[in-house]
Amino acid sequence: MKLQGCGTALVTPFKKDQSIDENALRSLVQWQVESGTHFLVPCGSTGEAATLSKAEWLRVIDITIEVVAGRVPIVAGATSNATADAVEKAREVAQRKGVDAILSASPYYNKPTQEGQYQHFKAIAEAVDKPLVLYNVPGRTAANIEPATLGRLAKVPNIIAVKEASGNISQIAEVFNHVPDDFLVFSGDDALTLPVISLGGVGIISVASNEIPKELSEMTAAALKGDWEQARKIHRKYLALMQGNFIESNPMPVKAVLAMMGRIEEVYRLPMLPMKPDTRARIQQIATEAGLLKKS
């Protein structure tokens, strides 16, 4: 398994009765693979994993495995703020044949120390035989994985990568001074994909590629090949969309756009809600200008 390029942090489509919309999910996964997405990441924060029951979480992963049918790698989300629970979840997904790696975010709410995070991730990694991708998203977890801690974690044999969503480009630059050359650094912010690749990163785990899988995959591949002119051209065209996906809490804007595109129903689970009318109008305008929607 070669993990690089653009991985889509998949949304989880729901029906009006709040159940998982399995048909919409299948069609979304199929479209992603056909569009050239390099790998898929079901059940991350964009997939509203925190609101899924255990059975639903596994169902989303199983459907993704079934539709992908080995065509691209799958990195399954398995996060908990209780280490024992995170270990159990990681073991559960690691048993699945189509899962190539596991994505696990820092423990949220507890605010662990650096040593606490080190022990947490080490316990997960040692409990499974699949590669582990760490997810640093302090804006959601209130816990930052510092570069020196990441350097220590990179020595744990099956911790192979980080999704860096601190938004702090100086911190991300420092990460490369602490980890070995074969450790994979993914941007966790679409808008920072090119700077992260220029520093030595290998791609993006993306929200916007839910909407524009082909374009984001082409942008990432161009940057990795050193074709910066092409990469910058795509980046500039879609930057407003990348930023617009966060004008309200993710995944509210991206789900709104996918619904406008006719790919899913616009249904969320509390505490997520439909967007406010003014921000919804803004994201609709951004998506229209980006060519995703027909001009009315």
Protein backbone atom coordinates (compact mmCIF):
# COMPACT_ATOMS: atom_id res chain seq x y z
CA MET A 1 0.00 0.00 0.00
CA LYS A 2 1.35 3.38 -1.04
CA LEU A 3 -0.40 6.12 0.87
CA GLN A 4 -0.03 9.51 -0.79
CA GLY A 5 -1.97 12.06 -2.80
CA CYS A 6 -5.53 13.13 -2.09
CA GLY A 7 -7.61 11.15 0.40
CA THR A 8 -11.25 12.11 0.85
CA ALA A 9 -12.56 12.46 4.40
CA LEU A 10 -15.96 11.08 3.42
CA VAL A 11 -19.23 12.59 4.62
CA THR A 12 -21.83 10.17 5.97
CA PRO A 13 -25.15 10.68 4.15
CA PHE A 14 -28.33 10.38 6.24
CA LYS A 15 -31.97 9.93 5.28
CA LYS A 16 -34.73 12.19 6.60
CA ASP A 17 -35.43 9.62 9.35
CA GLN A 18 -31.78 10.03 10.50
CA SER A 19 -30.72 6.53 9.37
CA ILE A 20 -27.64 6.07 7.17
CA ASP A 21 -28.46 6.56 3.49
CA GLU A 22 -26.65 3.46 2.24
CA ASN A 23 -27.51 4.03 -1.44
CA ALA A 24 -26.18 7.59 -1.36
CA LEU A 25 -23.03 6.38 0.43
CA ARG A 26 -22.41 3.66 -2.17
CA SER A 27 -22.87 6.10 -5.02
CA LEU A 28 -20.60 8.67 -3.35
CA VAL A 29 -17.81 6.11 -2.84
CA GLN A 30 -18.13 4.86 -6.43
CA TRP A 31 -17.97 8.43 -7.79
CA GLN A 32 -14.89 9.16 -5.65
CA VAL A 33 -13.01 6.12 -6.96
CA GLU A 34 -14.02 6.79 -10.58
CA SER A 35 -12.92 10.43 -10.21
CA GLY A 36 -9.37 9.38 -9.33
CA THR A 37 -9.29 9.93 -5.56
CA HIS A 38 -6.11 8.29 -4.28
CA PHE A 39 -7.58 6.89 -1.03
CA LEU A 40 -10.70 7.14 1.12
CA VAL A 41 -11.15 8.01 4.80
CA PRO A 42 -14.57 6.98 6.15
CA CYS A 43 -15.70 7.86 9.68
CA GLY A 44 -13.53 10.86 10.45
CA SER A 45 -14.89 14.14 11.82
CA THR A 46 -16.26 15.03 8.35
CA GLY A 47 -18.19 11.74 8.50
CA GLU A 48 -19.86 12.81 11.78
CA ALA A 49 -18.34 9.71 13.37
CA ALA A 50 -18.97 11.08 16.86
CA THR A 51 -22.73 10.73 16.27
CA LEU A 52 -22.64 7.19 14.84
CA SER A 53 -23.46 4.14 16.96
CA LYS A 54 -20.87 1.35 16.94
CA ALA A 55 -22.98 -0.68 14.49
CA GLU A 56 -23.43 2.33 12.17
CA TRP A 57 -19.72 3.20 12.29
CA LEU A 58 -18.79 -0.35 11.25
CA ARG A 59 -21.54 -0.38 8.60
CA VAL A 60 -20.17 2.77 6.94
CA ILE A 61 -16.68 1.23 6.88
CA ASP A 62 -18.00 -2.10 5.53
CA ILE A 63 -19.96 -0.41 2.72
CA THR A 64 -16.86 1.61 1.78
CA ILE A 65 -14.78 -1.60 1.67
CA GLU A 66 -17.41 -3.37 -0.44
CA VAL A 67 -17.74 -0.58 -3.04
CA VAL A 68 -14.01 0.20 -3.21
CA ALA A 69 -13.27 -3.51 -3.80
CA GLY A 70 -9.53 -3.04 -3.40
CA ARG A 71 -9.21 -0.27 -6.00
CA VAL A 72 -7.81 2.35 -3.61
CA PRO A 73 -6.55 2.21 -0.02
CA ILE A 74 -9.00 2.77 2.85
CA VAL A 75 -7.96 4.58 6.04
CA ALA A 76 -10.74 3.98 8.58
CA GLY A 77 -11.42 6.44 11.39
CA ALA A 78 -11.27 5.05 14.94
CA THR A 79 -11.12 7.73 17.63
CA SER A 80 -12.07 7.90 21.29
CA ASN A 81 -11.05 10.06 24.23
CA ALA A 82 -10.78 6.93 26.40
CA THR A 83 -7.62 5.01 25.48
CA ALA A 84 -9.11 1.58 26.25
CA ASP A 85 -12.07 2.37 23.98
CA ALA A 86 -9.79 3.71 21.22
CA VAL A 87 -7.77 0.47 21.41
CA GLU A 88 -10.94 -1.62 21.14
CA LYS A 89 -12.20 0.40 18.16
CA ALA A 90 -8.85 0.16 16.39
CA ARG A 91 -8.81 -3.63 16.93
CA GLU A 92 -12.33 -3.86 15.53
CA VAL A 93 -11.46 -2.11 12.24
CA ALA A 94 -8.02 -3.70 11.98
CA GLN A 95 -9.71 -7.10 11.60
CA ARG A 96 -11.40 -5.94 8.40
CA LYS A 97 -9.60 -7.15 5.31
CA GLY A 98 -10.26 -4.05 3.18
CA VAL A 99 -8.94 -1.57 5.76
CA ASP A 100 -5.35 -0.59 4.95
CA ALA A 101 -4.70 1.84 7.82
CA ILE A 102 -6.42 3.46 10.80
CA LEU A 103 -6.86 7.18 11.44
CA SER A 104 -7.07 8.19 15.10
CA ALA A 105 -7.36 11.72 16.49
CA SER A 106 -6.01 13.04 19.77
CA PRO A 107 -8.22 12.39 22.79
CA TYR A 108 -10.75 15.25 22.86
CA TYR A 109 -12.10 17.04 25.95
CA ASN A 110 -9.62 15.39 28.39
CA LYS A 111 -6.79 17.78 27.34
CA PRO A 112 -3.99 15.22 27.90
CA THR A 113 -0.36 16.27 28.31
CA GLN A 114 2.20 15.47 25.61
CA GLU A 115 3.17 12.35 27.55
CA GLY A 116 -0.51 11.39 27.84
CA GLN A 117 -0.92 11.65 24.07
CA TYR A 118 2.27 9.67 23.50
CA GLN A 119 1.04 6.83 25.75
CA HIS A 120 -2.45 6.94 24.18
CA PHE A 121 -1.25 6.55 20.59
CA LYS A 122 1.46 4.04 21.55
CA ALA A 123 -1.20 1.84 23.21
CA ILE A 124 -3.35 1.92 20.06
CA ALA A 125 -0.42 1.19 17.74
CA GLU A 126 0.79 -1.73 19.84
CA ALA A 127 -2.70 -3.29 19.91
CA VAL A 128 -3.06 -3.61 16.11
CA ASP A 129 -1.05 -4.90 13.17
CA LYS A 130 -2.24 -2.21 10.72
CA PRO A 131 -0.51 1.13 10.13
CA LEU A 132 -1.73 4.05 12.24
CA VAL A 133 -2.22 7.60 10.95
CA LEU A 134 -2.36 10.18 13.75
CA TYR A 135 -4.75 13.09 13.42
CA ASN A 136 -3.72 16.40 14.96
CA VAL A 137 -6.70 18.76 15.03
CA PRO A 138 -6.35 20.91 18.16
CA GLY A 139 -9.21 23.20 17.08
CA ARG A 140 -11.57 20.27 17.72
CA THR A 141 -9.76 18.28 20.40
CA ALA A 142 -8.13 21.05 22.52
CA ALA A 143 -4.95 18.91 22.45
CA ASN A 144 -2.03 19.71 20.13
CA ILE A 145 0.49 17.01 19.18
CA GLU A 146 3.76 18.94 19.35
CA PRO A 147 6.52 18.18 16.80
CA ALA A 148 8.83 16.64 19.43
CA THR A 149 6.02 14.30 20.57
CA LEU A 150 5.36 13.35 16.96
CA GLY A 151 9.07 12.58 16.61
CA ARG A 152 8.83 10.15 19.53
CA LEU A 153 5.65 8.58 18.13
CA ALA A 154 7.26 8.15 14.70
CA LYS A 155 9.65 5.65 16.35
CA VAL A 156 6.71 3.34 17.19
CA PRO A 157 6.94 0.80 14.32
CA ASN A 158 3.42 1.01 12.83
CA ILE A 159 2.79 4.74 13.37
CA ILE A 160 3.46 5.80 9.79
CA ALA A 161 1.82 9.18 9.24
CA VAL A 162 0.11 12.27 10.58
CA LYS A 163 -2.81 14.32 9.29
CA GLU A 164 -1.70 17.76 10.42
CA ALA A 165 -4.70 20.06 10.85
CA SER A 166 -3.27 22.52 13.38
CA GLY A 167 -3.36 25.19 10.68
CA ASN A 168 0.06 26.31 11.98
CA ILE A 169 2.44 26.20 9.03
CA SER A 170 5.43 26.99 11.25
CA GLN A 171 4.62 23.98 13.45
CA ILE A 172 4.16 21.77 10.37
CA ALA A 173 7.56 22.93 9.05
CA GLU A 174 9.11 21.95 12.38
CA VAL A 175 7.52 18.47 12.21
CA PHE A 176 9.88 17.56 9.35
CA ASN A 177 12.86 18.26 11.62
CA HIS A 178 11.60 15.67 14.13
CA VAL A 179 10.37 12.76 12.01
CA PRO A 180 12.32 10.36 9.74
CA ASP A 181 12.25 10.86 5.96
CA ASP A 182 9.86 7.93 5.41
CA PHE A 183 7.25 9.30 7.87
CA LEU A 184 4.21 10.59 5.94
CA VAL A 185 2.88 14.08 6.60
CA PHE A 186 -0.56 14.93 5.18
CA SER A 187 -2.13 18.35 5.27
CA GLY A 188 -5.40 18.40 7.18
CA ASP A 189 -6.44 21.70 5.60
CA ASP A 190 -7.26 21.88 1.88
CA ALA A 191 -5.98 25.46 1.63
CA LEU A 192 -2.57 24.43 3.02
CA THR A 193 -2.04 21.39 0.76
CA LEU A 194 0.53 23.06 -1.49
CA PRO A 195 2.62 24.64 1.30
CA VAL A 196 2.68 21.30 3.17
CA ILE A 197 3.76 19.39 0.03
CA SER A 198 6.45 22.02 -0.65
CA LEU A 199 7.87 21.32 2.84
CA GLY A 200 8.00 17.56 2.20
CA GLY A 201 4.40 16.44 2.76
CA VAL A 202 2.83 13.66 0.70
CA GLY A 203 -0.71 14.96 0.21
CA ILE A 204 -4.00 15.96 1.78
CA ILE A 205 -6.81 14.30 3.71
CA SER A 206 -9.46 16.50 2.23
CA VAL A 207 -12.94 17.90 2.86
CA ALA A 208 -13.26 19.67 -0.51
CA SER A 209 -12.56 16.47 -2.44
CA ASN A 210 -16.05 15.34 -1.39
CA GLU A 211 -17.23 17.99 -3.88
CA ILE A 212 -14.33 18.07 -6.37
CA PRO A 213 -12.54 14.69 -6.17
CA LYS A 214 -11.03 14.82 -9.67
CA GLU A 215 -9.74 18.38 -9.36
CA LEU A 216 -8.24 17.97 -5.88
CA SER A 217 -6.58 14.69 -6.86
CA GLU A 218 -5.11 16.34 -9.98
CA MET A 219 -3.87 19.32 -7.94
CA THR A 220 -2.18 17.08 -5.38
CA ALA A 221 -0.63 14.80 -8.03
CA ALA A 222 0.69 17.85 -9.93
CA ALA A 223 2.34 19.26 -6.79
CA LEU A 224 3.90 15.87 -5.93
CA LYS A 225 5.34 15.72 -9.47
CA GLY A 226 6.74 19.23 -9.11
CA ASP A 227 4.33 20.75 -11.64
CA TRP A 228 3.68 23.78 -9.45
CA GLU A 229 2.21 25.88 -12.24
CA GLN A 230 -0.64 23.39 -12.75
CA ALA A 231 -1.06 22.79 -9.02
CA ARG A 232 -1.31 26.53 -8.31
CA LYS A 233 -3.79 27.02 -11.15
CA ILE A 234 -6.21 24.46 -9.66
CA HIS A 235 -5.58 25.75 -6.12
CA ARG A 236 -6.46 29.33 -7.07
CA LYS A 237 -9.62 28.24 -8.86
CA TYR A 238 -10.96 26.34 -5.84
CA LEU A 239 -9.46 28.23 -2.87
CA ALA A 240 -12.75 30.03 -2.13
CA LEU A 241 -14.52 26.65 -1.97
CA MET A 242 -11.83 25.20 0.32
CA GLN A 243 -12.31 28.16 2.66
CA GLY A 244 -16.10 28.23 2.25
CA ASN A 245 -16.36 24.67 3.58
CA PHE A 246 -15.49 26.12 7.00
CA ILE A 247 -17.73 29.20 7.14
CA GLU A 248 -19.79 27.10 9.55
CA SER A 249 -18.68 23.95 11.37
CA ASN A 250 -17.52 21.11 9.11
CA PRO A 251 -19.33 19.11 7.65
CA MET A 252 -22.33 21.46 7.48
CA PRO A 253 -21.18 23.47 4.41
CA VAL A 254 -19.81 20.48 2.45
CA LYS A 255 -23.01 18.50 3.03
CA ALA A 256 -25.06 21.52 1.92
CA VAL A 257 -23.08 21.72 -1.34
CA LEU A 258 -23.34 17.95 -1.96
CA ALA A 259 -27.11 18.25 -1.46
CA MET A 260 -27.20 21.17 -3.93
CA MET A 261 -25.30 18.93 -6.37
CA GLY A 262 -27.98 16.24 -5.90
CA ARG A 263 -25.57 13.68 -4.42
CA ILE A 264 -27.03 13.43 -0.91
CA GLU A 265 -30.01 14.64 1.11
CA GLU A 266 -29.18 17.54 3.37
CA VAL A 267 -29.61 15.80 6.71
CA TYR A 268 -27.44 16.20 9.81
CA ARG A 269 -27.46 14.77 13.29
CA LEU A 270 -27.57 17.06 16.28
CA PRO A 271 -25.59 18.95 17.39
CA MET A 272 -25.02 19.67 13.66
CA LEU A 273 -27.77 21.71 12.02
CA PRO A 274 -28.61 23.07 8.56
CA MET A 275 -26.66 26.23 7.77
CA LYS A 276 -28.00 29.70 8.52
CA PRO A 277 -29.68 31.30 5.45
CA ASP A 278 -26.96 33.94 4.91
CA THR A 279 -24.01 31.51 5.09
CA ARG A 280 -25.93 28.96 3.04
CA ALA A 281 -26.44 31.60 0.31
CA ARG A 282 -22.71 32.36 0.45
CA ILE A 283 -21.62 28.74 0.02
CA GLN A 284 -24.14 28.34 -2.80
CA GLN A 285 -22.63 31.36 -4.56
CA ILE A 286 -19.07 30.04 -4.03
CA ALA A 287 -20.04 26.59 -5.37
CA THR A 288 -21.76 28.18 -8.39
CA GLU A 289 -18.72 30.36 -9.17
CA ALA A 290 -16.50 27.27 -8.88
CA GLY A 291 -18.64 25.59 -11.55
CA LEU A 292 -20.22 22.95 -9.29
CA LEU A 293 -23.77 24.27 -9.69
CA LYS A 294 -25.65 25.68 -12.65
CA LYS A 295 -26.14 29.44 -12.61
CA SER A 296 -29.81 30.26 -12.06
